[in-house]
Structure formats: C-alpha cells, structure tokens
Amino acid sequence: QLQLVASGGALVQPGGSLRLSCASSGSSLDRYAIGWFRQAPGKEHEGVACISSSGISANHADSVKGRFTVSRDNAKNTVYLQMNSLKPEDTAVYYCAADRNLHYGLNWPHWGQGTQVTVSS
C-alpha cells in the first residue's frame, strides 16, 4: 500500500527559496506519476505541478511557472518541488499525490498529509 509523506515546509521570507520533498513509507514511487497541490485558507484546492513516473514529462501551473520546478530522483524514491522567488500568495498547505498515470485532474487516489509553507517577512 502506498503511503505518501510530504515534508520541507517552513516559514520563509518573500523572494526566498524552499524545497519540498515527497516520499513513500510504503510502496516505491517509481511507478507513479506525482502531483503537487496546495490549499490556502479561503481559496480553492489548486494543482501546482505534476510529473510522470519516468520524470520525462512535467507540467506547472501558470501561477508558478518560472519559479517552481518539479523533479524526481527515483533512485532516492523521492519527488521534489523546488520553489524559488516565493511570494506571500504562495502561502498554503502543500500536498503531494500519486496516481498510476499522469493527468491534470484532482482525482488522485493517494495523498500525503500536507506540509505548511508560509511566506512572510
């Protein structure tokens, strides 16, 4: 059974950088596409980025393009979300999710617990 663990959230100043990690405490991630999502108070659940199981294909939401990069290292059984040039509007709880195939919907069968990212001076 796949159990995801998201980590790396922290308090960071505007313009700063942060790297989130998604790992599995159960099955290996190497057969799964991984998506990153976020939700801020009063805002809808939002897809941030996603990456195919191979790491060859990736997609980033318009709101984070040029600032965030999703990547994976299957040898380390870890998927990353590198966040640069952070803005206060990036403040949210960030979640990773897994599915057998890459897609752009919200119906992902496996979810992590979420990690808090706060961007503030």
PDB file of N, CA and C in Angstrom:
ATOM      1  N   GLN A   1       0.831  -1.180   0.000  1.00  0.00           N
ATOM      2  CA  GLN A   1       0.000   0.000   0.000  1.00  0.00           C
ATOM      3  C   GLN A   1       0.880   1.249   0.000  1.00  0.00           C
ATOM      4  N   LEU A   2       0.503   2.239  -0.796  1.00  0.00           N
ATOM      5  CA  LEU A   2       1.280   3.458  -0.937  1.00  0.00           C
ATOM      6  C   LEU A   2       0.861   4.472   0.123  1.00  0.00           C
ATOM      7  N   GLN A   3       1.829   4.942   0.899  1.00  0.00           N
ATOM      8  CA  GLN A   3       1.590   5.991   1.880  1.00  0.00           C
ATOM      9  C   GLN A   3       2.595   7.111   1.657  1.00  0.00           C
ATOM     10  N   LEU A   4       2.090   8.284   1.319  1.00  0.00           N
ATOM     11  CA  LEU A   4       2.941   9.404   0.965  1.00  0.00           C
ATOM     12  C   LEU A   4       3.232  10.285   2.170  1.00  0.00           C
ATOM     13  N   VAL A   5       4.436  10.825   2.194  1.00  0.00           N
ATOM     14  CA  VAL A   5       4.862  11.748   3.232  1.00  0.00           C
ATOM     15  C   VAL A   5       5.446  12.982   2.572  1.00  0.00           C
ATOM     16  N   ALA A   6       4.805  14.121   2.768  1.00  0.00           N
ATOM     17  CA  ALA A   6       5.310  15.391   2.276  1.00  0.00           C
ATOM     18  C   ALA A   6       6.037  16.105   3.409  1.00  0.00           C
ATOM     19  N   SER A   7       7.159  16.723   3.093  1.00  0.00           N
ATOM     20  CA  SER A   7       7.944  17.404   4.107  1.00  0.00           C
ATOM     21  C   SER A   7       8.694  18.577   3.500  1.00  0.00           C
ATOM     22  N   GLY A   8       9.262  19.400   4.344  1.00  0.00           N
ATOM     23  CA  GLY A   8      10.081  20.520   3.911  1.00  0.00           C
ATOM     24  C   GLY A   8       9.441  21.881   4.067  1.00  0.00           C
ATOM     25  N   GLY A   9       8.188  21.934   4.449  1.00  0.00           N
ATOM     26  CA  GLY A   9       7.529  23.216   4.631  1.00  0.00           C
ATOM     27  C   GLY A   9       8.149  23.999   5.769  1.00  0.00           C
ATOM     28  N   ALA A  10       8.135  25.319   5.623  1.00  0.00           N
ATOM     29  CA  ALA A  10       8.757  26.187   6.615  1.00  0.00           C
ATOM     30  C   ALA A  10       8.271  27.612   6.444  1.00  0.00           C
ATOM     31  N   LEU A  11       8.692  28.463   7.358  1.00  0.00           N
ATOM     32  CA  LEU A  11       8.498  29.901   7.230  1.00  0.00           C
ATOM     33  C   LEU A  11       9.677  30.470   6.456  1.00  0.00           C
ATOM     34  N   VAL A  12       9.398  31.199   5.374  1.00  0.00           N
ATOM     35  CA  VAL A  12      10.447  31.756   4.537  1.00  0.00           C
ATOM     36  C   VAL A  12      10.059  33.170   4.129  1.00  0.00           C
ATOM     37  N   GLN A  13      11.045  34.025   3.936  1.00  0.00           N
ATOM     38  CA  GLN A  13      10.766  35.400   3.565  1.00  0.00           C
ATOM     39  C   GLN A  13      10.464  35.530   2.075  1.00  0.00           C
ATOM     40  N   PRO A  14       9.723  36.556   1.668  1.00  0.00           N
ATOM     41  CA  PRO A  14       9.465  36.763   0.245  1.00  0.00           C
ATOM     42  C   PRO A  14      10.759  36.831  -0.552  1.00  0.00           C
ATOM     43  N   GLY A  15      10.751  36.186  -1.719  1.00  0.00           N
ATOM     44  CA  GLY A  15      11.938  36.113  -2.547  1.00  0.00           C
ATOM     45  C   GLY A  15      12.840  34.946  -2.218  1.00  0.00           C
ATOM     46  N   GLY A  16      12.552  34.263  -1.141  1.00  0.00           N
ATOM     47  CA  GLY A  16      13.359  33.138  -0.731  1.00  0.00           C
ATOM     48  C   GLY A  16      13.028  31.867  -1.474  1.00  0.00           C
ATOM     49  N   SER A  17      13.719  30.804  -1.108  1.00  0.00           N
ATOM     50  CA  SER A  17      13.557  29.510  -1.757  1.00  0.00           C
ATOM     51  C   SER A  17      13.303  28.426  -0.730  1.00  0.00           C
ATOM     52  N   LEU A  18      12.663  27.375  -1.197  1.00  0.00           N
ATOM     53  CA  LEU A  18      12.347  26.247  -0.350  1.00  0.00           C
ATOM     54  C   LEU A  18      12.193  25.025  -1.233  1.00  0.00           C
ATOM     55  N   ARG A  19      12.594  23.880  -0.737  1.00  0.00           N
ATOM     56  CA  ARG A  19      12.420  22.644  -1.477  1.00  0.00           C
ATOM     57  C   ARG A  19      11.582  21.672  -0.666  1.00  0.00           C
ATOM     58  N   LEU A  20      10.471  21.263  -1.242  1.00  0.00           N
ATOM     59  CA  LEU A  20       9.619  20.266  -0.629  1.00  0.00           C
ATOM     60  C   LEU A  20       9.967  18.882  -1.164  1.00  0.00           C
ATOM     61  N   SER A  21       9.750  17.884  -0.337  1.00  0.00           N
ATOM     62  CA  SER A  21      10.010  16.509  -0.735  1.00  0.00           C
ATOM     63  C   SER A  21       8.768  15.666  -0.538  1.00  0.00           C
ATOM     64  N   CYS A  22       8.601  14.699  -1.397  1.00  0.00           N
ATOM     65  CA  CYS A  22       7.528  13.728  -1.292  1.00  0.00           C
ATOM     66  C   CYS A  22       8.150  12.348  -1.349  1.00  0.00           C
ATOM     67  N   ALA A  23       7.903  11.566  -0.331  1.00  0.00           N
ATOM     68  CA  ALA A  23       8.454  10.224  -0.262  1.00  0.00           C
ATOM     69  C   ALA A  23       7.357   9.242   0.115  1.00  0.00           C
ATOM     70  N   SER A  24       7.652   7.985  -0.026  1.00  0.00           N
ATOM     71  CA  SER A  24       6.698   6.937   0.293  1.00  0.00           C
ATOM     72  C   SER A  24       7.201   6.098   1.450  1.00  0.00           C
ATOM     73  N   SER A  25       6.325   5.860   2.405  1.00  0.00           N
ATOM     74  CA  SER A  25       6.651   4.962   3.504  1.00  0.00           C
ATOM     75  C   SER A  25       6.210   3.530   3.220  1.00  0.00           C
ATOM     76  N   GLY A  26       5.589   3.328   2.078  1.00  0.00           N
ATOM     77  CA  GLY A  26       5.133   2.008   1.679  1.00  0.00           C
ATOM     78  C   GLY A  26       5.771   1.590   0.373  1.00  0.00           C
ATOM     79  N   SER A  27       4.965   1.480  -0.664  1.00  0.00           N
ATOM     80  CA  SER A  27       5.454   1.090  -1.976  1.00  0.00           C
ATOM     81  C   SER A  27       6.377   2.149  -2.565  1.00  0.00           C
ATOM     82  N   SER A  28       7.227   1.733  -3.470  1.00  0.00           N
ATOM     83  CA  SER A  28       8.118   2.650  -4.173  1.00  0.00           C
ATOM     84  C   SER A  28       7.320   3.601  -5.060  1.00  0.00           C
ATOM     85  N   LEU A  29       7.844   4.809  -5.235  1.00  0.00           N
ATOM     86  CA  LEU A  29       7.190   5.817  -6.061  1.00  0.00           C
ATOM     87  C   LEU A  29       7.493   5.684  -7.543  1.00  0.00           C
ATOM     88  N   ASP A  30       8.410   4.834  -7.910  1.00  0.00           N
ATOM     89  CA  ASP A  30       8.919   4.853  -9.276  1.00  0.00           C
ATOM     90  C   ASP A  30       7.919   4.445 -10.343  1.00  0.00           C
ATOM     91  N   ARG A  31       6.799   3.863  -9.956  1.00  0.00           N
ATOM     92  CA  ARG A  31       5.766   3.504 -10.925  1.00  0.00           C
ATOM     93  C   ARG A  31       4.628   4.516 -10.974  1.00  0.00           C
ATOM     94  N   TYR A  32       4.749   5.598 -10.220  1.00  0.00           N
ATOM     95  CA  TYR A  32       3.652   6.536 -10.075  1.00  0.00           C
ATOM     96  C   TYR A  32       3.979   7.918 -10.612  1.00  0.00           C
ATOM     97  N   ALA A  33       2.997   8.511 -11.270  1.00  0.00           N
ATOM     98  CA  ALA A  33       3.037   9.944 -11.506  1.00  0.00           C
ATOM     99  C   ALA A  33       2.748  10.651 -10.189  1.00  0.00           C
ATOM    100  N   ILE A  34       3.367  11.805  -9.978  1.00  0.00           N
ATOM    101  CA  ILE A  34       3.212  12.548  -8.734  1.00  0.00           C
ATOM    102  C   ILE A  34       2.720  13.960  -9.037  1.00  0.00           C
ATOM    103  N   GLY A  35       1.731  14.385  -8.283  1.00  0.00           N
ATOM    104  CA  GLY A  35       1.236  15.747  -8.390  1.00  0.00           C
ATOM    105  C   GLY A  35       1.449  16.507  -7.096  1.00  0.00           C
ATOM    106  N   TRP A  36       1.675  17.803  -7.229  1.00  0.00           N
ATOM    107  CA  TRP A  36       1.742  18.705  -6.082  1.00  0.00           C
ATOM    108  C   TRP A  36       0.530  19.619  -6.113  1.00  0.00           C
ATOM    109  N   PHE A  37      -0.102  19.779  -4.964  1.00  0.00           N
ATOM    110  CA  PHE A  37      -1.297  20.594  -4.825  1.00  0.00           C
ATOM    111  C   PHE A  37      -1.147  21.494  -3.615  1.00  0.00           C
ATOM    112  N   ARG A  38      -1.928  22.543  -3.565  1.00  0.00           N
ATOM    113  CA  ARG A  38      -1.888  23.416  -2.404  1.00  0.00           C
ATOM    114  C   ARG A  38      -3.268  23.974  -2.116  1.00  0.00           C
ATOM    115  N   GLN A  39      -3.460  24.347  -0.869  1.00  0.00           N
ATOM    116  CA  GLN A  39      -4.701  24.974  -0.471  1.00  0.00           C
ATOM    117  C   GLN A  39      -4.422  26.008   0.606  1.00  0.00           C
ATOM    118  N   ALA A  40      -4.839  27.224   0.346  1.00  0.00           N
ATOM    119  CA  ALA A  40      -4.727  28.309   1.300  1.00  0.00           C
ATOM    120  C   ALA A  40      -6.103  28.588   1.891  1.00  0.00           C
ATOM    121  N   PRO A  41      -6.158  29.127   3.109  1.00  0.00           N
ATOM    122  CA  PRO A  41      -7.449  29.450   3.707  1.00  0.00           C
ATOM    123  C   PRO A  41      -8.269  30.363   2.811  1.00  0.00           C
ATOM    124  N   GLY A  42      -9.520  29.983   2.579  1.00  0.00           N
ATOM    125  CA  GLY A  42     -10.408  30.780   1.752  1.00  0.00           C
ATOM    126  C   GLY A  42     -10.218  30.619   0.261  1.00  0.00           C
ATOM    127  N   LYS A  43      -9.299  29.761  -0.154  1.00  0.00           N
ATOM    128  CA  LYS A  43      -9.055  29.543  -1.572  1.00  0.00           C
ATOM    129  C   LYS A  43      -9.287  28.085  -1.938  1.00  0.00           C
ATOM    130  N   GLU A  44      -9.543  27.860  -3.200  1.00  0.00           N
ATOM    131  CA  GLU A  44      -9.823  26.505  -3.655  1.00  0.00           C
ATOM    132  C   GLU A  44      -8.554  25.674  -3.742  1.00  0.00           C
ATOM    133  N   HIS A  45      -8.756  24.380  -3.658  1.00  0.00           N
ATOM    134  CA  HIS A  45      -7.677  23.429  -3.838  1.00  0.00           C
ATOM    135  C   HIS A  45      -7.112  23.597  -5.244  1.00  0.00           C
ATOM    136  N   GLU A  46      -5.801  23.712  -5.361  1.00  0.00           N
ATOM    137  CA  GLU A  46      -5.158  24.082  -6.613  1.00  0.00           C
ATOM    138  C   GLU A  46      -4.045  23.118  -6.981  1.00  0.00           C
ATOM    139  N   GLY A  47      -4.036  22.694  -8.226  1.00  0.00           N
ATOM    140  CA  GLY A  47      -2.917  21.923  -8.731  1.00  0.00           C
ATOM    141  C   GLY A  47      -1.732  22.831  -8.995  1.00  0.00           C
ATOM    142  N   VAL A  48      -0.560  22.437  -8.558  1.00  0.00           N
ATOM    143  CA  VAL A  48       0.651  23.241  -8.684  1.00  0.00           C
ATOM    144  C   VAL A  48       1.565  22.712  -9.773  1.00  0.00           C
ATOM    145  N   ALA A  49       1.841  21.434  -9.733  1.00  0.00           N
ATOM    146  CA  ALA A  49       2.748  20.816 -10.688  1.00  0.00           C
ATOM    147  C   ALA A  49       2.558  19.314 -10.656  1.00  0.00           C
ATOM    148  N   CYS A  50       2.976  18.661 -11.718  1.00  0.00           N
ATOM    149  CA  CYS A  50       2.917  17.207 -11.740  1.00  0.00           C
ATOM    150  C   CYS A  50       4.017  16.676 -12.637  1.00  0.00           C
ATOM    151  N   ILE A  51       4.360  15.413 -12.423  1.00  0.00           N
ATOM    152  CA  ILE A  51       5.458  14.811 -13.152  1.00  0.00           C
ATOM    153  C   ILE A  51       5.149  13.344 -13.410  1.00  0.00           C
ATOM    154  N   SER A  52       5.534  12.864 -14.566  1.00  0.00           N
ATOM    155  CA  SER A  52       5.287  11.482 -14.932  1.00  0.00           C
ATOM    156  C   SER A  52       6.182  10.551 -14.127  1.00  0.00           C
ATOM    157  N   SER A  53       5.861   9.272 -14.175  1.00  0.00           N
ATOM    158  CA  SER A  53       6.640   8.297 -13.422  1.00  0.00           C
ATOM    159  C   SER A  53       8.102   8.262 -13.856  1.00  0.00           C
ATOM    160  N   SER A  54       8.343   8.490 -15.133  1.00  0.00           N
ATOM    161  CA  SER A  54       9.707   8.481 -15.655  1.00  0.00           C
ATOM    162  C   SER A  54      10.455   9.779 -15.372  1.00  0.00           C
ATOM    163  N   GLY A  55       9.718  10.851 -15.102  1.00  0.00           N
ATOM    164  CA  GLY A  55      10.321  12.156 -14.925  1.00  0.00           C
ATOM    165  C   GLY A  55      10.519  12.923 -16.213  1.00  0.00           C
ATOM    166  N   ILE A  56      10.168  12.325 -17.337  1.00  0.00           N
ATOM    167  CA  ILE A  56      10.373  12.973 -18.620  1.00  0.00           C
ATOM    168  C   ILE A  56       9.355  14.071 -18.872  1.00  0.00           C
ATOM    169  N   SER A  57       8.112  13.832 -18.469  1.00  0.00           N
ATOM    170  CA  SER A  57       7.049  14.794 -18.698  1.00  0.00           C
ATOM    171  C   SER A  57       6.680  15.495 -17.401  1.00  0.00           C
ATOM    172  N   ALA A  58       6.534  16.814 -17.455  1.00  0.00           N
ATOM    173  CA  ALA A  58       6.154  17.595 -16.281  1.00  0.00           C
ATOM    174  C   ALA A  58       5.313  18.777 -16.697  1.00  0.00           C
ATOM    175  N   ASN A  59       4.496  19.257 -15.770  1.00  0.00           N
ATOM    176  CA  ASN A  59       3.636  20.394 -16.030  1.00  0.00           C
ATOM    177  C   ASN A  59       3.581  21.270 -14.796  1.00  0.00           C
ATOM    178  N   HIS A  60       3.523  22.570 -15.006  1.00  0.00           N
ATOM    179  CA  HIS A  60       3.459  23.531 -13.914  1.00  0.00           C
ATOM    180  C   HIS A  60       2.318  24.507 -14.153  1.00  0.00           C
ATOM    181  N   ALA A  61       1.606  24.833 -13.098  1.00  0.00           N
ATOM    182  CA  ALA A  61       0.525  25.798 -13.198  1.00  0.00           C
ATOM    183  C   ALA A  61       1.069  27.161 -13.605  1.00  0.00           C
ATOM    184  N   ASP A  62       0.240  27.931 -14.304  1.00  0.00           N
ATOM    185  CA  ASP A  62       0.666  29.254 -14.758  1.00  0.00           C
ATOM    186  C   ASP A  62       1.127  30.141 -13.606  1.00  0.00           C
ATOM    187  N   SER A  63       0.502  29.984 -12.453  1.00  0.00           N
ATOM    188  CA  SER A  63       0.824  30.826 -11.316  1.00  0.00           C
ATOM    189  C   SER A  63       2.229  30.593 -10.760  1.00  0.00           C
ATOM    190  N   VAL A  64       2.837  29.457 -11.110  1.00  0.00           N
ATOM    191  CA  VAL A  64       4.159  29.142 -10.567  1.00  0.00           C
ATOM    192  C   VAL A  64       5.213  28.926 -11.638  1.00  0.00           C
ATOM    193  N   LYS A  65       4.837  28.992 -12.901  1.00  0.00           N
ATOM    194  CA  LYS A  65       5.804  28.781 -13.983  1.00  0.00           C
ATOM    195  C   LYS A  65       6.950  29.776 -13.894  1.00  0.00           C
ATOM    196  N   GLY A  66       8.154  29.263 -14.067  1.00  0.00           N
ATOM    197  CA  GLY A  66       9.337  30.093 -13.977  1.00  0.00           C
ATOM    198  C   GLY A  66       9.868  30.236 -12.578  1.00  0.00           C
ATOM    199  N   ARG A  67       9.089  29.816 -11.582  1.00  0.00           N
ATOM    200  CA  ARG A  67       9.519  29.913 -10.190  1.00  0.00           C
ATOM    201  C   ARG A  67       9.638  28.551  -9.516  1.00  0.00           C
ATOM    202  N   PHE A  68       8.710  27.664  -9.827  1.00  0.00           N
ATOM    203  CA  PHE A  68       8.700  26.331  -9.220  1.00  0.00           C
ATOM    204  C   PHE A  68       9.131  25.296 -10.248  1.00  0.00           C
ATOM    205  N   THR A  69       9.792  24.262  -9.786  1.00  0.00           N
ATOM    206  CA  THR A  69      10.194  23.162 -10.648  1.00  0.00           C
ATOM    207  C   THR A  69       9.970  21.835  -9.937  1.00  0.00           C
ATOM    208  N   VAL A  70       9.215  20.965 -10.573  1.00  0.00           N
ATOM    209  CA  VAL A  70       9.025  19.621 -10.035  1.00  0.00           C
ATOM    210  C   VAL A  70      10.051  18.693 -10.673  1.00  0.00           C
ATOM    211  N   SER A  71      10.616  17.828  -9.887  1.00  0.00           N
ATOM    212  CA  SER A  71      11.590  16.870 -10.385  1.00  0.00           C
ATOM    213  C   SER A  71      11.512  15.612  -9.532  1.00  0.00           C
ATOM    214  N   ARG A  72      12.203  14.595  -9.970  1.00  0.00           N
ATOM    215  CA  ARG A  72      12.209  13.372  -9.173  1.00  0.00           C
ATOM    216  C   ARG A  72      13.535  12.654  -9.308  1.00  0.00           C
ATOM    217  N   ASP A  73      13.852  11.914  -8.277  1.00  0.00           N
ATOM    218  CA  ASP A  73      15.022  11.063  -8.261  1.00  0.00           C
ATOM    219  C   ASP A  73      14.530   9.696  -7.821  1.00  0.00           C
ATOM    220  N   ASN A  74      14.218   8.864  -8.794  1.00  0.00           N
ATOM    221  CA  ASN A  74      13.650   7.565  -8.464  1.00  0.00           C
ATOM    222  C   ASN A  74      14.621   6.669  -7.704  1.00  0.00           C
ATOM    223  N   ALA A  75      15.916   6.885  -7.901  1.00  0.00           N
ATOM    224  CA  ALA A  75      16.902   6.124  -7.147  1.00  0.00           C
ATOM    225  C   ALA A  75      16.811   6.425  -5.657  1.00  0.00           C
ATOM    226  N   LYS A  76      16.374   7.639  -5.320  1.00  0.00           N
ATOM    227  CA  LYS A  76      16.197   8.038  -3.925  1.00  0.00           C
ATOM    228  C   LYS A  76      14.753   7.921  -3.477  1.00  0.00           C
ATOM    229  N   ASN A  77      13.892   7.465  -4.389  1.00  0.00           N
ATOM    230  CA  ASN A  77      12.477   7.289  -4.084  1.00  0.00           C
ATOM    231  C   ASN A  77      11.854   8.591  -3.574  1.00  0.00           C
ATOM    232  N   THR A  78      12.201   9.685  -4.231  1.00  0.00           N
ATOM    233  CA  THR A  78      11.768  11.000  -3.781  1.00  0.00           C
ATOM    234  C   THR A  78      11.386  11.881  -4.960  1.00  0.00           C
ATOM    235  N   VAL A  79      10.331  12.657  -4.783  1.00  0.00           N
ATOM    236  CA  VAL A  79       9.917  13.681  -5.727  1.00  0.00           C
ATOM    237  C   VAL A  79      10.053  15.031  -5.038  1.00  0.00           C
ATOM    238  N   TYR A  80      10.535  16.022  -5.773  1.00  0.00           N
ATOM    239  CA  TYR A  80      10.806  17.329  -5.198  1.00  0.00           C
ATOM    240  C   TYR A  80       9.954  18.417  -5.840  1.00  0.00           C
ATOM    241  N   LEU A  81       9.723  19.451  -5.075  1.00  0.00           N
ATOM    242  CA  LEU A  81       9.175  20.687  -5.608  1.00  0.00           C
ATOM    243  C   LEU A  81      10.097  21.809  -5.162  1.00  0.00           C
ATOM    244  N   GLN A  82      10.919  22.288  -6.086  1.00  0.00           N
ATOM    245  CA  GLN A  82      11.810  23.403  -5.804  1.00  0.00           C
ATOM    246  C   GLN A  82      11.045  24.695  -6.008  1.00  0.00           C
ATOM    247  N   MET A  83      10.973  25.516  -4.988  1.00  0.00           N
ATOM    248  CA  MET A  83      10.219  26.753  -5.024  1.00  0.00           C
ATOM    249  C   MET A  83      11.177  27.924  -4.842  1.00  0.00           C
ATOM    250  N   ASN A  84      11.276  28.753  -5.869  1.00  0.00           N
ATOM    251  CA  ASN A  84      12.127  29.933  -5.837  1.00  0.00           C
ATOM    252  C   ASN A  84      11.281  31.186  -5.971  1.00  0.00           C
ATOM    253  N   SER A  85      11.866  32.312  -5.639  1.00  0.00           N
ATOM    254  CA  SER A  85      11.183  33.607  -5.742  1.00  0.00           C
ATOM    255  C   SER A  85       9.806  33.557  -5.100  1.00  0.00           C
ATOM    256  N   LEU A  86       9.759  33.047  -3.901  1.00  0.00           N
ATOM    257  CA  LEU A  86       8.486  32.838  -3.222  1.00  0.00           C
ATOM    258  C   LEU A  86       7.779  34.149  -2.927  1.00  0.00           C
ATOM    259  N   LYS A  87       6.473  34.105  -3.055  1.00  0.00           N
ATOM    260  CA  LYS A  87       5.612  35.248  -2.809  1.00  0.00           C
ATOM    261  C   LYS A  87       4.662  34.945  -1.658  1.00  0.00           C
ATOM    262  N   PRO A  88       4.162  35.966  -0.979  1.00  0.00           N
ATOM    263  CA  PRO A  88       3.192  35.715   0.085  1.00  0.00           C
ATOM    264  C   PRO A  88       1.979  34.907  -0.387  1.00  0.00           C
ATOM    265  N   GLU A  89       1.582  35.068  -1.634  1.00  0.00           N
ATOM    266  CA  GLU A  89       0.445  34.333  -2.170  1.00  0.00           C
ATOM    267  C   GLU A  89       0.720  32.844  -2.328  1.00  0.00           C
ATOM    268  N   ASP A  90       1.970  32.435  -2.180  1.00  0.00           N
ATOM    269  CA  ASP A  90       2.307  31.017  -2.208  1.00  0.00           C
ATOM    270  C   ASP A  90       2.042  30.341  -0.869  1.00  0.00           C
ATOM    271  N   THR A  91       1.716  31.111   0.137  1.00  0.00           N
ATOM    272  CA  THR A  91       1.428  30.550   1.449  1.00  0.00           C
ATOM    273  C   THR A  91       0.243  29.596   1.366  1.00  0.00           C
ATOM    274  N   ALA A  92       0.452  28.366   1.804  1.00  0.00           N
ATOM    275  CA  ALA A  92      -0.580  27.340   1.716  1.00  0.00           C
ATOM    276  C   ALA A  92      -0.070  26.068   2.358  1.00  0.00           C
ATOM    277  N   VAL A  93      -0.973  25.126   2.525  1.00  0.00           N
ATOM    278  CA  VAL A  93      -0.580  23.763   2.837  1.00  0.00           C
ATOM    279  C   VAL A  93      -0.351  23.047   1.512  1.00  0.00           C
ATOM    280  N   TYR A  94       0.799  22.442   1.360  1.00  0.00           N
ATOM    281  CA  TYR A  94       1.157  21.755   0.132  1.00  0.00           C
ATOM    282  C   TYR A  94       1.050  20.249   0.323  1.00  0.00           C
ATOM    283  N   TYR A  95       0.451  19.600  -0.652  1.00  0.00           N
ATOM    284  CA  TYR A  95       0.237  18.161  -0.624  1.00  0.00           C
ATOM    285  C   TYR A  95       0.861  17.520  -1.859  1.00  0.00           C
ATOM    286  N   CYS A  96       1.351  16.314  -1.710  1.00  0.00           N
ATOM    287  CA  CYS A  96       1.698  15.523  -2.875  1.00  0.00           C
ATOM    288  C   CYS A  96       0.708  14.378  -2.999  1.00  0.00           C
ATOM    289  N   ALA A  97       0.508  13.945  -4.221  1.00  0.00           N
ATOM    290  CA  ALA A  97      -0.427  12.875  -4.513  1.00  0.00           C
ATOM    291  C   ALA A  97       0.140  11.996  -5.607  1.00  0.00           C
ATOM    292  N   ALA A  98      -0.346  10.763  -5.681  1.00  0.00           N
ATOM    293  CA  ALA A  98       0.166   9.799  -6.643  1.00  0.00           C
ATOM    294  C   ALA A  98      -0.962   9.123  -7.400  1.00  0.00           C
ATOM    295  N   ASP A  99      -0.679   8.828  -8.643  1.00  0.00           N
ATOM    296  CA  ASP A  99      -1.581   8.047  -9.478  1.00  0.00           C
ATOM    297  C   ASP A  99      -0.724   7.231 -10.432  1.00  0.00           C
ATOM    298  N   ARG A 100      -1.307   6.206 -11.000  1.00  0.00           N
ATOM    299  CA  ARG A 100      -0.553   5.332 -11.906  1.00  0.00           C
ATOM    300  C   ARG A 100      -0.153   6.051 -13.182  1.00  0.00           C
ATOM    301  N   ASN A 101      -0.977   6.995 -13.609  1.00  0.00           N
ATOM    302  CA  ASN A 101      -0.716   7.717 -14.847  1.00  0.00           C
ATOM    303  C   ASN A 101      -0.819   9.220 -14.625  1.00  0.00           C
ATOM    304  N   LEU A 102      -0.057   9.967 -15.377  1.00  0.00           N
ATOM    305  CA  LEU A 102      -0.069  11.420 -15.278  1.00  0.00           C
ATOM    306  C   LEU A 102      -1.369  11.986 -15.850  1.00  0.00           C
ATOM    307  N   HIS A 103      -1.977  12.909 -15.120  1.00  0.00           N
ATOM    308  CA  HIS A 103      -3.150  13.623 -15.604  1.00  0.00           C
ATOM    309  C   HIS A 103      -3.245  14.949 -14.871  1.00  0.00           C
ATOM    310  N   TYR A 104      -4.247  15.749 -15.239  1.00  0.00           N
ATOM    311  CA  TYR A 104      -4.334  17.113 -14.715  1.00  0.00           C
ATOM    312  C   TYR A 104      -5.600  17.374 -13.926  1.00  0.00           C
ATOM    313  N   GLY A 105      -6.272  16.314 -13.515  1.00  0.00           N
ATOM    314  CA  GLY A 105      -7.437  16.444 -12.671  1.00  0.00           C
ATOM    315  C   GLY A 105      -7.074  16.429 -11.197  1.00  0.00           C
ATOM    316  N   LEU A 106      -8.095  16.457 -10.354  1.00  0.00           N
ATOM    317  CA  LEU A 106      -7.901  16.452  -8.907  1.00  0.00           C
ATOM    318  C   LEU A 106      -8.171  15.098  -8.276  1.00  0.00           C
ATOM    319  N   ASN A 107      -8.597  14.135  -9.062  1.00  0.00           N
ATOM    320  CA  ASN A 107      -8.958  12.821  -8.546  1.00  0.00           C
ATOM    321  C   ASN A 107      -7.745  11.890  -8.518  1.00  0.00           C
ATOM    322  N   TRP A 108      -6.863  12.159  -7.592  1.00  0.00           N
ATOM    323  CA  TRP A 108      -5.690  11.321  -7.393  1.00  0.00           C
ATOM    324  C   TRP A 108      -5.958  10.360  -6.240  1.00  0.00           C
ATOM    325  N   PRO A 109      -5.656   9.087  -6.387  1.00  0.00           N
ATOM    326  CA  PRO A 109      -6.061   8.103  -5.365  1.00  0.00           C
ATOM    327  C   PRO A 109      -5.228   8.083  -4.096  1.00  0.00           C
ATOM    328  N   HIS A 110      -4.014   8.601  -4.134  1.00  0.00           N
ATOM    329  CA  HIS A 110      -3.136   8.552  -2.972  1.00  0.00           C
ATOM    330  C   HIS A 110      -2.664   9.955  -2.622  1.00  0.00           C
ATOM    331  N   TRP A 111      -2.781  10.307  -1.344  1.00  0.00           N
ATOM    332  CA  TRP A 111      -2.434  11.648  -0.871  1.00  0.00           C
ATOM    333  C   TRP A 111      -1.549  11.611   0.356  1.00  0.00           C
ATOM    334  N   GLY A 112      -0.648  12.564   0.439  1.00  0.00           N
ATOM    335  CA  GLY A 112       0.126  12.773   1.647  1.00  0.00           C
ATOM    336  C   GLY A 112      -0.628  13.663   2.616  1.00  0.00           C
ATOM    337  N   GLN A 113      -0.035  13.915   3.765  1.00  0.00           N
ATOM    338  CA  GLN A 113      -0.702  14.649   4.841  1.00  0.00           C
ATOM    339  C   GLN A 113      -0.626  16.163   4.694  1.00  0.00           C
ATOM    340  N   GLY A 114       0.282  16.656   3.885  1.00  0.00           N
ATOM    341  CA  GLY A 114       0.441  18.084   3.695  1.00  0.00           C
ATOM    342  C   GLY A 114       1.517  18.687   4.582  1.00  0.00           C
ATOM    343  N   THR A 115       2.157  19.735   4.073  1.00  0.00           N
ATOM    344  CA  THR A 115       3.180  20.450   4.821  1.00  0.00           C
ATOM    345  C   THR A 115       2.969  21.949   4.625  1.00  0.00           C
ATOM    346  N   GLN A 116       3.087  22.700   5.701  1.00  0.00           N
ATOM    347  CA  GLN A 116       2.769  24.123   5.681  1.00  0.00           C
ATOM    348  C   GLN A 116       3.933  24.946   5.146  1.00  0.00           C
ATOM    349  N   VAL A 117       3.634  25.787   4.169  1.00  0.00           N
ATOM    350  CA  VAL A 117       4.586  26.770   3.654  1.00  0.00           C
ATOM    351  C   VAL A 117       4.033  28.155   3.943  1.00  0.00           C
ATOM    352  N   THR A 118       4.803  28.954   4.639  1.00  0.00           N
ATOM    353  CA  THR A 118       4.397  30.316   4.962  1.00  0.00           C
ATOM    354  C   THR A 118       5.448  31.282   4.446  1.00  0.00           C
ATOM    355  N   VAL A 119       5.026  32.211   3.604  1.00  0.00           N
ATOM    356  CA  VAL A 119       5.922  33.205   3.024  1.00  0.00           C
ATOM    357  C   VAL A 119       5.565  34.556   3.627  1.00  0.00           C
ATOM    358  N   SER A 120       6.434  35.053   4.462  1.00  0.00           N
ATOM    359  CA  SER A 120       6.167  36.297   5.174  1.00  0.00           C
ATOM    360  C   SER A 120       7.471  36.896   5.664  1.00  0.00           C
ATOM    361  N   SER A 121       7.498  38.221   5.733  1.00  0.00           N
ATOM    362  CA  SER A 121       8.647  38.917   6.280  1.00  0.00           C
ATOM    363  C   SER A 121       8.438  39.268   7.746  1.00  0.00           C
TER     364      SER A 121
END
